[in-house]
Amino acid sequence: ILGALPQSTSGGAPLAECGMFVSSYTWGSVRTVDLTIGGEQAGSLPVQIIGDLGTTNVPSSCAGNRASANSASALGANGILGVGPAPYDCGSSCTNASSAANSNYYACPNGNSSCATTLVSQSQVVANPVHRFANDNNGVIVKMPAVSSSGQASATGQLIFGIGTQSNNALGASTVLNSTTAGDVDATFQGRSLLTANGGGAFFDTGSNAYFFDDSQTICTTNRDFYCPSSTVTYTATLAGKNGTTGNVSMPVANADTLFSNSSTFAFNDIAGPMSSTPTTNPSSWLDLGLPHFYGKTIYIGMDRTSMGGAAPYVGF
């Protein structure tokens, strides 16, 4: 099947992409596919084929000290459809000559050991398929069921394409915050101003398994990437959109060591951890509203359509 997917190139060399996350990375070729999902179609869609190039000699600028997520078992999924307002996974840093060194893309004429960062055309950049749908292309709705405060074995929700484009996807949010293209908004949290203008902010991320923020809360003894308060603590934050609208969010945080002691539970609405390695001495200016925040809620993510003369990106809840 892989051989039937057209390979993107740069200067005649096969094109590869690095996907960098906080603690892991993905590496693979860039190819085009005709995608069909949920009755929607996106033709000639650039995608990253995770893991097809192996993990030997992956450029250090990609792998760094991160763990490889280049198999279905390591990634925890067969694929990723990004839930966010950005129509492409990389902006000017991948298409502008002045920032080529920061590109996610690599030209690899002779395998991984020969790769070098490269610029790509906008048409080659891996794209959010929702942006390429014919009709339901202005955003997505994430609807998740409520889960027990002690956790559940699993939780199944809905990812709905389009907002206000069909009878079953009307915008039902009471708070709508315009965001950056990346989905970031300003926040006031624990007496700190987390501002996008200063390189920080708050964001909604289904790909994070917990809330992540810096605080003086007790770090767990066993699971040191998480907080372990002696009893459940509820944090609050005020979010502010680029349109001047504000909204409040609350975040219950329980003892992660206690919750994780039940090996059959995986869906939690009340786990959190530090955003940085210096949560008290040099706290991060970011607040990550991860998957726990989505349970029991319907959250709307509006695509950035400004390049087409359309609506600004937003998050609604």
C-alpha atoms as a PDB file:
ATOM      1  CA  ILE A   1       0.000   0.000   0.000  1.00  0.00           C
ATOM      2  CA  LEU A   2       2.819   2.411   0.908  1.00  0.00           C
ATOM      3  CA  GLY A   3       4.229   2.235  -2.596  1.00  0.00           C
ATOM      4  CA  ALA A   4       0.907   3.372  -4.029  1.00  0.00           C
ATOM      5  CA  LEU A   5       1.005   6.645  -2.070  1.00  0.00           C
ATOM      6  CA  PRO A   6       2.821   9.392  -4.011  1.00  0.00           C
ATOM      7  CA  GLN A   7       6.022  10.522  -2.261  1.00  0.00           C
ATOM      8  CA  SER A   8       6.499  14.281  -1.833  1.00  0.00           C
ATOM      9  CA  THR A   9       9.964  15.566  -2.735  1.00  0.00           C
ATOM     10  CA  SER A  10      12.192  18.587  -2.195  1.00  0.00           C
ATOM     11  CA  GLY A  11      14.800  19.262  -4.859  1.00  0.00           C
ATOM     12  CA  GLY A  12      14.260  15.730  -6.090  1.00  0.00           C
ATOM     13  CA  ALA A  13      14.931  14.203  -2.658  1.00  0.00           C
ATOM     14  CA  PRO A  14      12.259  12.352  -0.668  1.00  0.00           C
ATOM     15  CA  LEU A  15      10.558  14.618   1.867  1.00  0.00           C
ATOM     16  CA  ALA A  16      10.233  13.607   5.521  1.00  0.00           C
ATOM     17  CA  GLU A  17       8.629  15.312   8.489  1.00  0.00           C
ATOM     18  CA  CYS A  18       9.319  15.442  12.211  1.00  0.00           C
ATOM     19  CA  GLY A  19       6.430  15.712  14.653  1.00  0.00           C
ATOM     20  CA  MET A  20       7.720  16.958  18.002  1.00  0.00           C
ATOM     21  CA  PHE A  21       5.775  16.562  21.234  1.00  0.00           C
ATOM     22  CA  VAL A  22       6.764  17.331  24.817  1.00  0.00           C
ATOM     23  CA  SER A  23       8.234  13.894  25.534  1.00  0.00           C
ATOM     24  CA  SER A  24       8.126  12.038  22.208  1.00  0.00           C
ATOM     25  CA  TYR A  25       8.511  12.455  18.462  1.00  0.00           C
ATOM     26  CA  THR A  26       7.229  10.975  15.209  1.00  0.00           C
ATOM     27  CA  TRP A  27       9.288  10.615  12.033  1.00  0.00           C
ATOM     28  CA  GLY A  28       8.192   9.563   8.573  1.00  0.00           C
ATOM     29  CA  SER A  29       7.832  10.374   4.909  1.00  0.00           C
ATOM     30  CA  VAL A  30       5.379  12.909   3.506  1.00  0.00           C
ATOM     31  CA  ARG A  31       2.991  11.430   0.979  1.00  0.00           C
ATOM     32  CA  THR A  32      -0.385  12.335  -0.498  1.00  0.00           C
ATOM     33  CA  VAL A  33      -3.574  10.365   0.017  1.00  0.00           C
ATOM     34  CA  ASP A  34      -7.234  10.557  -0.897  1.00  0.00           C
ATOM     35  CA  LEU A  35      -8.881  10.464   2.524  1.00  0.00           C
ATOM     36  CA  THR A  36     -12.430   9.390   3.332  1.00  0.00           C
ATOM     37  CA  ILE A  37     -13.604   9.653   6.937  1.00  0.00           C
ATOM     38  CA  GLY A  38     -17.066   9.922   8.435  1.00  0.00           C
ATOM     39  CA  GLY A  39     -18.593  10.439   5.009  1.00  0.00           C
ATOM     40  CA  GLU A  40     -16.243  13.372   4.291  1.00  0.00           C
ATOM     41  CA  GLN A  41     -13.516  13.434   1.650  1.00  0.00           C
ATOM     42  CA  ALA A  42     -10.205  15.253   1.234  1.00  0.00           C
ATOM     43  CA  GLY A  43      -8.350  14.575  -2.009  1.00  0.00           C
ATOM     44  CA  SER A  44      -4.573  14.762  -2.555  1.00  0.00           C
ATOM     45  CA  LEU A  45      -4.052  15.390   1.146  1.00  0.00           C
ATOM     46  CA  PRO A  46      -0.414  15.644   2.345  1.00  0.00           C
ATOM     47  CA  VAL A  47       0.099  13.360   5.361  1.00  0.00           C
ATOM     48  CA  GLN A  48       3.004  12.081   7.431  1.00  0.00           C
ATOM     49  CA  ILE A  49       3.458   8.300   7.277  1.00  0.00           C
ATOM     50  CA  ILE A  50       4.673   7.656  10.815  1.00  0.00           C
ATOM     51  CA  GLY A  51       7.474   5.117  11.193  1.00  0.00           C
ATOM     52  CA  ASP A  52       8.016   4.106   7.574  1.00  0.00           C
ATOM     53  CA  LEU A  53      11.612   5.395   7.623  1.00  0.00           C
ATOM     54  CA  GLY A  54      12.590   3.584  10.815  1.00  0.00           C
ATOM     55  CA  THR A  55      14.269   5.160  13.832  1.00  0.00           C
ATOM     56  CA  THR A  56      17.955   4.635  13.009  1.00  0.00           C
ATOM     57  CA  ASN A  57      19.880   7.861  12.294  1.00  0.00           C
ATOM     58  CA  VAL A  58      16.855  10.104  12.792  1.00  0.00           C
ATOM     59  CA  PRO A  59      18.212  13.687  12.839  1.00  0.00           C
ATOM     60  CA  SER A  60      19.067  14.816  16.362  1.00  0.00           C
ATOM     61  CA  SER A  61      17.188  18.056  15.722  1.00  0.00           C
ATOM     62  CA  CYS A  62      14.055  15.901  15.622  1.00  0.00           C
ATOM     63  CA  ALA A  63      14.627  13.078  18.086  1.00  0.00           C
ATOM     64  CA  GLY A  64      16.640  15.005  20.678  1.00  0.00           C
ATOM     65  CA  ASN A  65      16.096  13.355  24.056  1.00  0.00           C
ATOM     66  CA  ARG A  66      12.520  12.422  23.217  1.00  0.00           C
ATOM     67  CA  ALA A  67      11.095   8.916  23.113  1.00  0.00           C
ATOM     68  CA  SER A  68      10.163   7.428  19.763  1.00  0.00           C
ATOM     69  CA  ALA A  69       6.422   7.240  19.037  1.00  0.00           C
ATOM     70  CA  ASN A  70       6.941   5.631  15.653  1.00  0.00           C
ATOM     71  CA  SER A  71       4.843   2.504  16.092  1.00  0.00           C
ATOM     72  CA  ALA A  72       1.144   2.043  16.753  1.00  0.00           C
ATOM     73  CA  SER A  73       1.892   0.644  20.209  1.00  0.00           C
ATOM     74  CA  ALA A  74       4.225   3.504  21.169  1.00  0.00           C
ATOM     75  CA  LEU A  75       1.891   6.136  19.752  1.00  0.00           C
ATOM     76  CA  GLY A  76      -1.200   4.536  21.253  1.00  0.00           C
ATOM     77  CA  ALA A  77      -3.063   4.980  17.975  1.00  0.00           C
ATOM     78  CA  ASN A  78      -3.068   3.958  14.344  1.00  0.00           C
ATOM     79  CA  GLY A  79      -3.112   7.593  13.284  1.00  0.00           C
ATOM     80  CA  ILE A  80      -3.727  11.157  14.411  1.00  0.00           C
ATOM     81  CA  LEU A  81      -6.309  13.611  13.125  1.00  0.00           C
ATOM     82  CA  GLY A  82      -5.284  16.870  14.782  1.00  0.00           C
ATOM     83  CA  VAL A  83      -8.067  18.585  16.719  1.00  0.00           C
ATOM     84  CA  GLY A  84      -7.231  22.272  16.399  1.00  0.00           C
ATOM     85  CA  PRO A  85      -7.925  25.445  14.421  1.00  0.00           C
ATOM     86  CA  ALA A  86      -4.746  25.440  12.301  1.00  0.00           C
ATOM     87  CA  PRO A  87      -5.353  24.436   8.661  1.00  0.00           C
ATOM     88  CA  TYR A  88      -1.720  23.281   8.351  1.00  0.00           C
ATOM     89  CA  ASP A  89       0.704  21.708  10.823  1.00  0.00           C
ATOM     90  CA  CYS A  90       3.429  24.267  10.141  1.00  0.00           C
ATOM     91  CA  GLY A  91       3.329  27.952   9.299  1.00  0.00           C
ATOM     92  CA  SER A  92       5.921  30.360   7.957  1.00  0.00           C
ATOM     93  CA  SER A  93       8.811  28.509   9.623  1.00  0.00           C
ATOM     94  CA  CYS A  94       8.391  25.791   7.005  1.00  0.00           C
ATOM     95  CA  THR A  95       7.704  27.959   3.959  1.00  0.00           C
ATOM     96  CA  ASN A  96       9.690  31.160   4.599  1.00  0.00           C
ATOM     97  CA  ALA A  97      13.375  31.278   3.658  1.00  0.00           C
ATOM     98  CA  SER A  98      14.242  33.412   6.698  1.00  0.00           C
ATOM     99  CA  SER A  99      13.276  30.600   9.081  1.00  0.00           C
ATOM    100  CA  ALA A 100      14.288  27.457   7.192  1.00  0.00           C
ATOM    101  CA  ALA A 101      16.398  26.187  10.087  1.00  0.00           C
ATOM    102  CA  ASN A 102      13.223  25.839  12.168  1.00  0.00           C
ATOM    103  CA  SER A 103      11.341  23.796   9.584  1.00  0.00           C
ATOM    104  CA  ASN A 104       9.672  20.500  10.533  1.00  0.00           C
ATOM    105  CA  TYR A 105      10.537  19.162   7.077  1.00  0.00           C
ATOM    106  CA  TYR A 106      13.671  17.401   5.850  1.00  0.00           C
ATOM    107  CA  ALA A 107      15.031  16.500   2.422  1.00  0.00           C
ATOM    108  CA  CYS A 108      16.520  12.993   2.619  1.00  0.00           C
ATOM    109  CA  PRO A 109      18.306  12.032  -0.636  1.00  0.00           C
ATOM    110  CA  ASN A 110      19.865   8.855   0.802  1.00  0.00           C
ATOM    111  CA  GLY A 111      17.900   7.794   3.863  1.00  0.00           C
ATOM    112  CA  ASN A 112      17.808   9.163   7.396  1.00  0.00           C
ATOM    113  CA  SER A 113      21.548   9.778   7.681  1.00  0.00           C
ATOM    114  CA  SER A 114      21.453  12.238   4.762  1.00  0.00           C
ATOM    115  CA  CYS A 115      18.542  14.408   5.926  1.00  0.00           C
ATOM    116  CA  ALA A 116      18.697  18.201   6.178  1.00  0.00           C
ATOM    117  CA  THR A 117      15.978  20.699   7.051  1.00  0.00           C
ATOM    118  CA  THR A 118      14.306  22.200   4.019  1.00  0.00           C
ATOM    119  CA  LEU A 119      11.631  24.640   2.981  1.00  0.00           C
ATOM    120  CA  VAL A 120       8.427  23.365   1.420  1.00  0.00           C
ATOM    121  CA  SER A 121       5.663  24.951  -0.591  1.00  0.00           C
ATOM    122  CA  GLN A 122       2.332  25.544   1.128  1.00  0.00           C
ATOM    123  CA  SER A 123       0.785  22.799  -1.000  1.00  0.00           C
ATOM    124  CA  GLN A 124       3.263  20.265   0.444  1.00  0.00           C
ATOM    125  CA  VAL A 125       2.648  21.081   4.114  1.00  0.00           C
ATOM    126  CA  VAL A 126       0.766  18.354   5.990  1.00  0.00           C
ATOM    127  CA  ALA A 127      -2.795  19.654   6.237  1.00  0.00           C
ATOM    128  CA  ASN A 128      -5.709  19.301   8.614  1.00  0.00           C
ATOM    129  CA  PRO A 129      -8.177  17.227   6.564  1.00  0.00           C
ATOM    130  CA  VAL A 130     -11.167  19.150   7.949  1.00  0.00           C
ATOM    131  CA  HIS A 131      -9.883  22.267   6.196  1.00  0.00           C
ATOM    132  CA  ARG A 132      -9.980  20.333   2.910  1.00  0.00           C
ATOM    133  CA  PHE A 133     -13.530  18.978   3.188  1.00  0.00           C
ATOM    134  CA  ALA A 134     -16.020  20.325   0.639  1.00  0.00           C
ATOM    135  CA  ASN A 135     -18.688  21.359   3.145  1.00  0.00           C
ATOM    136  CA  ASP A 136     -18.206  20.610   6.864  1.00  0.00           C
ATOM    137  CA  ASN A 137     -14.853  22.366   6.862  1.00  0.00           C
ATOM    138  CA  ASN A 138     -15.107  25.228   9.359  1.00  0.00           C
ATOM    139  CA  GLY A 139     -14.295  23.347  12.554  1.00  0.00           C
ATOM    140  CA  VAL A 140     -14.970  20.339  14.729  1.00  0.00           C
ATOM    141  CA  ILE A 141     -17.000  19.551  17.827  1.00  0.00           C
ATOM    142  CA  VAL A 142     -15.626  17.249  20.526  1.00  0.00           C
ATOM    143  CA  LYS A 143     -18.329  15.722  22.688  1.00  0.00           C
ATOM    144  CA  MET A 144     -17.225  13.466  25.546  1.00  0.00           C
ATOM    145  CA  PRO A 145     -19.263  11.729  28.271  1.00  0.00           C
ATOM    146  CA  ALA A 146     -18.763  12.429  31.955  1.00  0.00           C
ATOM    147  CA  VAL A 147     -16.526   9.978  33.827  1.00  0.00           C
ATOM    148  CA  SER A 148     -16.258   9.033  37.485  1.00  0.00           C
ATOM    149  CA  SER A 149     -13.861  10.967  39.715  1.00  0.00           C
ATOM    150  CA  SER A 150     -12.173   7.631  40.456  1.00  0.00           C
ATOM    151  CA  GLY A 151     -11.610   6.962  36.755  1.00  0.00           C
ATOM    152  CA  GLN A 152     -13.079   4.541  34.234  1.00  0.00           C
ATOM    153  CA  ALA A 153     -11.745   1.776  32.038  1.00  0.00           C
ATOM    154  CA  SER A 154     -12.666   3.693  28.892  1.00  0.00           C
ATOM    155  CA  ALA A 155     -14.732   6.539  27.504  1.00  0.00           C
ATOM    156  CA  THR A 156     -16.174   6.927  24.019  1.00  0.00           C
ATOM    157  CA  GLY A 157     -17.175  10.292  22.609  1.00  0.00           C
ATOM    158  CA  GLN A 158     -17.917  11.957  19.302  1.00  0.00           C
ATOM    159  CA  LEU A 159     -15.851  14.008  16.875  1.00  0.00           C
ATOM    160  CA  ILE A 160     -18.308  15.953  14.734  1.00  0.00           C
ATOM    161  CA  PHE A 161     -17.143  17.669  11.540  1.00  0.00           C
ATOM    162  CA  GLY A 162     -18.387  21.185  10.838  1.00  0.00           C
ATOM    163  CA  ILE A 163     -20.027  23.784  13.071  1.00  0.00           C
ATOM    164  CA  GLY A 164     -23.405  25.163  12.025  1.00  0.00           C
ATOM    165  CA  THR A 165     -23.221  23.417   8.671  1.00  0.00           C
ATOM    166  CA  GLN A 166     -25.750  20.659   9.397  1.00  0.00           C
ATOM    167  CA  SER A 167     -28.852  20.221  11.531  1.00  0.00           C
ATOM    168  CA  ASN A 168     -26.863  18.246  14.129  1.00  0.00           C
ATOM    169  CA  ASN A 169     -23.798  20.484  14.550  1.00  0.00           C
ATOM    170  CA  ALA A 170     -25.134  23.876  15.628  1.00  0.00           C
ATOM    171  CA  LEU A 171     -22.887  26.101  17.742  1.00  0.00           C
ATOM    172  CA  GLY A 172     -24.234  25.648  21.265  1.00  0.00           C
ATOM    173  CA  ALA A 173     -21.428  27.333  23.193  1.00  0.00           C
ATOM    174  CA  SER A 174     -22.219  30.041  25.734  1.00  0.00           C
ATOM    175  CA  THR A 175     -18.614  31.282  25.618  1.00  0.00           C
ATOM    176  CA  VAL A 176     -16.697  31.772  22.370  1.00  0.00           C
ATOM    177  CA  LEU A 177     -13.065  32.892  22.578  1.00  0.00           C
ATOM    178  CA  ASN A 178     -11.149  33.881  19.466  1.00  0.00           C
ATOM    179  CA  SER A 179      -7.709  32.263  19.555  1.00  0.00           C
ATOM    180  CA  THR A 180      -4.409  32.281  17.728  1.00  0.00           C
ATOM    181  CA  THR A 181      -4.029  29.974  14.734  1.00  0.00           C
ATOM    182  CA  ALA A 182      -2.447  27.475  17.130  1.00  0.00           C
ATOM    183  CA  GLY A 183      -5.525  27.620  19.381  1.00  0.00           C
ATOM    184  CA  ASP A 184      -3.969  29.632  22.219  1.00  0.00           C
ATOM    185  CA  VAL A 185      -5.833  32.176  24.358  1.00  0.00           C
ATOM    186  CA  ASP A 186      -4.735  34.410  27.226  1.00  0.00           C
ATOM    187  CA  ALA A 187      -5.279  33.242  30.800  1.00  0.00           C
ATOM    188  CA  THR A 188      -5.071  34.408  34.387  1.00  0.00           C
ATOM    189  CA  PHE A 189      -4.056  31.510  36.616  1.00  0.00           C
ATOM    190  CA  GLN A 190      -2.755  31.352  40.181  1.00  0.00           C
ATOM    191  CA  GLY A 191      -2.166  35.089  40.152  1.00  0.00           C
ATOM    192  CA  ARG A 192      -0.095  34.902  36.955  1.00  0.00           C
ATOM    193  CA  SER A 193      -0.909  36.378  33.560  1.00  0.00           C
ATOM    194  CA  LEU A 194      -0.295  33.798  30.836  1.00  0.00           C
ATOM    195  CA  LEU A 195      -0.264  35.865  27.653  1.00  0.00           C
ATOM    196  CA  THR A 196       0.093  34.797  24.038  1.00  0.00           C
ATOM    197  CA  ALA A 197       1.912  38.070  23.343  1.00  0.00           C
ATOM    198  CA  ASN A 198       4.615  36.941  25.761  1.00  0.00           C
ATOM    199  CA  GLY A 199       4.957  33.439  24.356  1.00  0.00           C
ATOM    200  CA  GLY A 200       2.473  31.713  26.654  1.00  0.00           C
ATOM    201  CA  GLY A 201      -1.240  31.221  27.210  1.00  0.00           C
ATOM    202  CA  ALA A 202      -3.790  28.459  27.612  1.00  0.00           C
ATOM    203  CA  PHE A 203      -4.874  25.837  25.104  1.00  0.00           C
ATOM    204  CA  PHE A 204      -7.342  22.948  24.836  1.00  0.00           C
ATOM    205  CA  ASP A 205      -5.619  19.689  23.895  1.00  0.00           C
ATOM    206  CA  THR A 206      -7.270  16.286  23.547  1.00  0.00           C
ATOM    207  CA  GLY A 207      -3.789  14.847  23.021  1.00  0.00           C
ATOM    208  CA  SER A 208      -2.693  15.592  26.604  1.00  0.00           C
ATOM    209  CA  ASN A 209      -3.691  12.905  29.105  1.00  0.00           C
ATOM    210  CA  ALA A 210      -3.874  15.385  31.998  1.00  0.00           C
ATOM    211  CA  TYR A 211      -4.063  19.036  32.913  1.00  0.00           C
ATOM    212  CA  PHE A 212      -0.558  20.470  32.851  1.00  0.00           C
ATOM    213  CA  PHE A 213       0.422  23.636  34.701  1.00  0.00           C
ATOM    214  CA  ASP A 214       3.102  24.760  37.111  1.00  0.00           C
ATOM    215  CA  ASP A 215       2.245  25.111  40.786  1.00  0.00           C
ATOM    216  CA  SER A 216       3.664  24.364  44.229  1.00  0.00           C
ATOM    217  CA  GLN A 217       1.398  21.308  44.523  1.00  0.00           C
ATOM    218  CA  THR A 218       2.959  18.067  45.817  1.00  0.00           C
ATOM    219  CA  ILE A 219       4.633  15.947  43.136  1.00  0.00           C
ATOM    220  CA  CYS A 220       3.731  12.260  43.222  1.00  0.00           C
ATOM    221  CA  THR A 221       6.177   9.779  44.730  1.00  0.00           C
ATOM    222  CA  THR A 222       5.600   7.026  42.170  1.00  0.00           C
ATOM    223  CA  ASN A 223       4.289   8.865  39.116  1.00  0.00           C
ATOM    224  CA  ARG A 224       6.511  11.905  39.196  1.00  0.00           C
ATOM    225  CA  ASP A 225       5.027  13.547  36.114  1.00  0.00           C
ATOM    226  CA  PHE A 226       1.833  14.173  38.075  1.00  0.00           C
ATOM    227  CA  TYR A 227       0.518  15.949  41.168  1.00  0.00           C
ATOM    228  CA  CYS A 228      -0.574  14.118  44.321  1.00  0.00           C
ATOM    229  CA  PRO A 229      -2.508  16.405  46.680  1.00  0.00           C
ATOM    230  CA  SER A 230      -3.627  14.842  49.973  1.00  0.00           C
ATOM    231  CA  SER A 231      -7.230  15.533  48.941  1.00  0.00           C
ATOM    232  CA  THR A 232      -8.855  16.729  45.728  1.00  0.00           C
ATOM    233  CA  VAL A 233      -8.128  20.389  44.956  1.00  0.00           C
ATOM    234  CA  THR A 234     -10.035  22.472  42.406  1.00  0.00           C
ATOM    235  CA  TYR A 235      -8.078  25.064  40.449  1.00  0.00           C
ATOM    236  CA  THR A 236      -9.699  27.849  38.433  1.00  0.00           C
ATOM    237  CA  ALA A 237      -8.524  30.035  35.571  1.00  0.00           C
ATOM    238  CA  THR A 238      -9.997  32.925  33.627  1.00  0.00           C
ATOM    239  CA  LEU A 239      -9.493  32.695  29.873  1.00  0.00           C
ATOM    240  CA  ALA A 240      -9.600  35.694  27.538  1.00  0.00           C
ATOM    241  CA  GLY A 241     -10.074  35.551  23.789  1.00  0.00           C
ATOM    242  CA  LYS A 242      -8.737  37.869  21.113  1.00  0.00           C
ATOM    243  CA  ASN A 243     -12.302  39.163  20.758  1.00  0.00           C
ATOM    244  CA  GLY A 244     -12.307  40.440  24.357  1.00  0.00           C
ATOM    245  CA  THR A 245     -14.621  37.709  25.627  1.00  0.00           C
ATOM    246  CA  THR A 246     -13.705  35.980  28.888  1.00  0.00           C
ATOM    247  CA  GLY A 247     -14.701  32.669  30.416  1.00  0.00           C
ATOM    248  CA  ASN A 248     -13.865  30.698  33.534  1.00  0.00           C
ATOM    249  CA  VAL A 249     -12.720  27.086  33.715  1.00  0.00           C
ATOM    250  CA  SER A 250     -12.293  24.814  36.727  1.00  0.00           C
ATOM    251  CA  MET A 251      -9.896  21.899  37.077  1.00  0.00           C
ATOM    252  CA  PRO A 252     -10.285  19.261  39.817  1.00  0.00           C
ATOM    253  CA  VAL A 253      -6.983  17.607  40.717  1.00  0.00           C
ATOM    254  CA  ALA A 254      -6.861  14.356  42.707  1.00  0.00           C
ATOM    255  CA  ASN A 255      -3.984  12.158  43.863  1.00  0.00           C
ATOM    256  CA  ALA A 256      -2.583  10.537  40.709  1.00  0.00           C
ATOM    257  CA  ASP A 257      -0.724   7.781  42.574  1.00  0.00           C
ATOM    258  CA  THR A 258      -4.007   6.711  44.161  1.00  0.00           C
ATOM    259  CA  LEU A 259      -5.924   6.864  40.882  1.00  0.00           C
ATOM    260  CA  PHE A 260      -3.255   4.970  38.935  1.00  0.00           C
ATOM    261  CA  SER A 261      -3.141   2.189  41.544  1.00  0.00           C
ATOM    262  CA  ASN A 262      -6.202   0.698  39.821  1.00  0.00           C
ATOM    263  CA  SER A 263      -4.590  -0.806  36.730  1.00  0.00           C
ATOM    264  CA  SER A 264      -7.917  -1.200  34.914  1.00  0.00           C
ATOM    265  CA  THR A 265      -8.788   2.515  34.763  1.00  0.00           C
ATOM    266  CA  PHE A 266      -7.474   4.793  32.044  1.00  0.00           C
ATOM    267  CA  ALA A 267      -9.992   7.633  31.612  1.00  0.00           C
ATOM    268  CA  PHE A 268      -9.577  10.326  34.284  1.00  0.00           C
ATOM    269  CA  ASN A 269     -11.109  13.781  34.657  1.00  0.00           C
ATOM    270  CA  ASP A 270      -9.013  14.897  37.622  1.00  0.00           C
ATOM    271  CA  ILE A 271      -5.304  14.319  37.011  1.00  0.00           C
ATOM    272  CA  ALA A 272      -2.709  17.042  36.516  1.00  0.00           C
ATOM    273  CA  GLY A 273       1.031  17.484  36.411  1.00  0.00           C
ATOM    274  CA  PRO A 274       3.714  20.142  36.151  1.00  0.00           C
ATOM    275  CA  MET A 275       4.286  21.814  32.810  1.00  0.00           C
ATOM    276  CA  SER A 276       8.013  22.288  33.362  1.00  0.00           C
ATOM    277  CA  SER A 277      10.871  20.874  35.418  1.00  0.00           C
ATOM    278  CA  THR A 278      10.921  24.054  37.544  1.00  0.00           C
ATOM    279  CA  PRO A 279       7.271  24.470  38.558  1.00  0.00           C
ATOM    280  CA  THR A 280       7.979  26.641  41.604  1.00  0.00           C
ATOM    281  CA  THR A 281      11.268  28.416  40.894  1.00  0.00           C
ATOM    282  CA  ASN A 282      10.596  29.302  37.249  1.00  0.00           C
ATOM    283  CA  PRO A 283       6.988  28.443  36.404  1.00  0.00           C
ATOM    284  CA  SER A 284       5.924  27.987  32.815  1.00  0.00           C
ATOM    285  CA  SER A 285       3.680  30.572  31.189  1.00  0.00           C
ATOM    286  CA  TRP A 286       1.447  27.837  29.739  1.00  0.00           C
ATOM    287  CA  LEU A 287      -1.768  26.152  30.888  1.00  0.00           C
ATOM    288  CA  ASP A 288      -2.666  22.913  29.115  1.00  0.00           C
ATOM    289  CA  LEU A 289      -6.354  22.017  29.361  1.00  0.00           C
ATOM    290  CA  GLY A 290      -5.915  18.380  28.447  1.00  0.00           C
ATOM    291  CA  LEU A 291      -8.377  15.555  27.880  1.00  0.00           C
ATOM    292  CA  PRO A 292      -9.663  15.561  31.503  1.00  0.00           C
ATOM    293  CA  HIS A 293     -11.253  18.927  30.733  1.00  0.00           C
ATOM    294  CA  PHE A 294     -13.261  17.489  27.838  1.00  0.00           C
ATOM    295  CA  TYR A 295     -15.109  14.846  29.855  1.00  0.00           C
ATOM    296  CA  GLY A 296     -18.756  15.763  30.391  1.00  0.00           C
ATOM    297  CA  LYS A 297     -18.517  18.696  27.967  1.00  0.00           C
ATOM    298  CA  THR A 298     -19.080  19.717  24.371  1.00  0.00           C
ATOM    299  CA  ILE A 299     -16.213  21.852  23.079  1.00  0.00           C
ATOM    300  CA  TYR A 300     -16.145  23.622  19.724  1.00  0.00           C
ATOM    301  CA  ILE A 301     -12.945  24.308  17.765  1.00  0.00           C
ATOM    302  CA  GLY A 302     -13.369  26.810  14.925  1.00  0.00           C
ATOM    303  CA  MET A 303     -10.893  26.565  12.043  1.00  0.00           C
ATOM    304  CA  ASP A 304      -8.736  29.540  11.077  1.00  0.00           C
ATOM    305  CA  ARG A 305     -10.312  30.648   7.787  1.00  0.00           C
ATOM    306  CA  THR A 306      -8.779  34.139   7.713  1.00  0.00           C
ATOM    307  CA  SER A 307      -6.462  33.351   4.792  1.00  0.00           C
ATOM    308  CA  MET A 308      -9.602  32.757   2.728  1.00  0.00           C
ATOM    309  CA  GLY A 309     -11.376  35.880   3.979  1.00  0.00           C
ATOM    310  CA  GLY A 310     -13.334  33.811   6.487  1.00  0.00           C
ATOM    311  CA  ALA A 311     -13.755  33.560  10.237  1.00  0.00           C
ATOM    312  CA  ALA A 312     -11.013  33.855  12.845  1.00  0.00           C
ATOM    313  CA  PRO A 313     -10.110  30.727  14.853  1.00  0.00           C
ATOM    314  CA  TYR A 314     -11.934  30.157  18.115  1.00  0.00           C
ATOM    315  CA  VAL A 315     -12.732  27.783  20.938  1.00  0.00           C
ATOM    316  CA  GLY A 316     -16.248  27.567  22.352  1.00  0.00           C
ATOM    317  CA  PHE A 317     -17.610  25.885  25.459  1.00  0.00           C
END
